[in-house]
C-alpha atoms as a PDB file:
ATOM      1  CA  MET A   1       3.348  -9.515  -1.259  1.00  0.00           C
ATOM      2  CA  TRP A   2       1.315 -10.032  -4.377  1.00  0.00           C
ATOM      3  CA  GLY A   3      -0.122  -7.471  -6.790  1.00  0.00           C
ATOM      4  CA  GLY A   4       2.661  -4.961  -6.140  1.00  0.00           C
ATOM      5  CA  THR A   5       6.272  -4.271  -5.270  1.00  0.00           C
ATOM      6  CA  PRO A   6       6.993  -2.968  -1.747  1.00  0.00           C
ATOM      7  CA  ALA A   7       9.654  -0.407  -0.814  1.00  0.00           C
ATOM      8  CA  ARG A   8      10.658   1.362   2.414  1.00  0.00           C
ATOM      9  CA  SER A   9      12.307   4.750   2.892  1.00  0.00           C
ATOM     10  CA  GLY A  10      12.798   5.626   6.552  1.00  0.00           C
ATOM     11  CA  ALA A  11       9.395   5.277   8.213  1.00  0.00           C
ATOM     12  CA  GLU A  12       7.502   5.364   4.889  1.00  0.00           C
ATOM     13  CA  ASP A  13       6.346   2.201   3.156  1.00  0.00           C
ATOM     14  CA  THR A  14       5.126   2.276  -0.434  1.00  0.00           C
ATOM     15  CA  VAL A  15       3.734  -0.268  -2.879  1.00  0.00           C
ATOM     16  CA  THR A  16       4.120   0.164  -6.621  1.00  0.00           C
ATOM     17  CA  SER A  17       1.586  -1.634  -8.769  1.00  0.00           C
ATOM     18  CA  ALA A  18       2.565  -4.774 -10.596  1.00  0.00           C
ATOM     19  CA  SER A  19       2.438  -4.630 -14.389  1.00  0.00           C
ATOM     20  CA  CYS A  20      -0.847  -6.571 -14.363  1.00  0.00           C
ATOM     21  CA  THR A  21      -2.505  -3.917 -12.137  1.00  0.00           C
ATOM     22  CA  ALA A  22      -0.743  -0.783 -13.442  1.00  0.00           C
ATOM     23  CA  SER A  23      -3.843   0.409 -15.305  1.00  0.00           C
ATOM     24  CA  ILE A  24      -7.240  -0.064 -13.701  1.00  0.00           C
ATOM     25  CA  PRO A  25     -10.282   1.115 -15.694  1.00  0.00           C
ATOM     26  CA  ALA A  26     -12.998   3.293 -14.159  1.00  0.00           C
ATOM     27  CA  SER A  27     -15.116   1.177 -11.804  1.00  0.00           C
ATOM     28  CA  GLY A  28     -12.464  -1.563 -12.067  1.00  0.00           C
ATOM     29  CA  ALA A  29     -10.783  -3.316  -9.185  1.00  0.00           C
ATOM     30  CA  ALA A  30      -7.394  -4.714  -8.255  1.00  0.00           C
ATOM     31  CA  THR A  31      -6.336  -6.887  -5.363  1.00  0.00           C
ATOM     32  CA  LEU A  32      -3.078  -6.777  -3.483  1.00  0.00           C
ATOM     33  CA  GLY A  33      -2.071  -8.318  -0.224  1.00  0.00           C
ATOM     34  CA  PHE A  34       0.780  -9.177   2.043  1.00  0.00           C
ATOM     35  CA  THR A  35       1.715 -11.498   4.826  1.00  0.00           C
ATOM     36  CA  GLY A  36       3.919 -10.071   7.523  1.00  0.00           C
ATOM     37  CA  THR A  37       5.086 -10.174  11.102  1.00  0.00           C
ATOM     38  CA  ARG A  38       5.961  -7.480  13.617  1.00  0.00           C
ATOM     39  CA  SER A  39       7.817  -7.141  16.853  1.00  0.00           C
ATOM     40  CA  GLY A  40       7.221  -4.757  19.704  1.00  0.00           C
ATOM     41  CA  ALA A  41       4.037  -2.868  20.532  1.00  0.00           C
ATOM     42  CA  PRO A  42       1.675  -2.113  17.628  1.00  0.00           C
ATOM     43  CA  SER A  43       1.206   1.478  16.572  1.00  0.00           C
ATOM     44  CA  SER A  44      -1.320   3.131  14.296  1.00  0.00           C
ATOM     45  CA  PRO A  45      -0.218   4.728  11.027  1.00  0.00           C
ATOM     46  CA  THR A  46      -0.139   8.524  11.146  1.00  0.00           C
ATOM     47  CA  ALA A  47      -0.889   9.115   7.449  1.00  0.00           C
ATOM     48  CA  PHE A  48      -2.287   7.348   4.386  1.00  0.00           C
ATOM     49  CA  GLY A  49      -1.944   8.148   0.719  1.00  0.00           C
ATOM     50  CA  LEU A  50      -3.052   6.842  -2.664  1.00  0.00           C
ATOM     51  CA  ASN A  51      -1.452   7.894  -5.957  1.00  0.00           C
ATOM     52  CA  GLY A  52       0.331  10.730  -4.182  1.00  0.00           C
ATOM     53  CA  ALA A  53      -2.842  12.140  -2.586  1.00  0.00           C
ATOM     54  CA  ASP A  54      -3.446  12.168   1.151  1.00  0.00           C
ATOM     55  CA  CYS A  55      -6.284   9.999   2.473  1.00  0.00           C
ATOM     56  CA  SER A  56      -8.012  10.077   5.835  1.00  0.00           C
ATOM     57  CA  ALA A  57      -8.684   7.159   8.141  1.00  0.00           C
ATOM     58  CA  ALA A  58     -12.172   6.619   9.518  1.00  0.00           C
END
């Protein structure tokens, strides 16, 4: 993971911004990413959120 610090609590995964991306100005941008693996059948997330607010998936 780069650009943030991951954490897991039960089935919930969160990413906290890194100090270099903690404050993003209006119309600014930040990049984060991860490389991962999985096992078993894939499943779709049931909810999304950003800064504590719910988001919807298209």
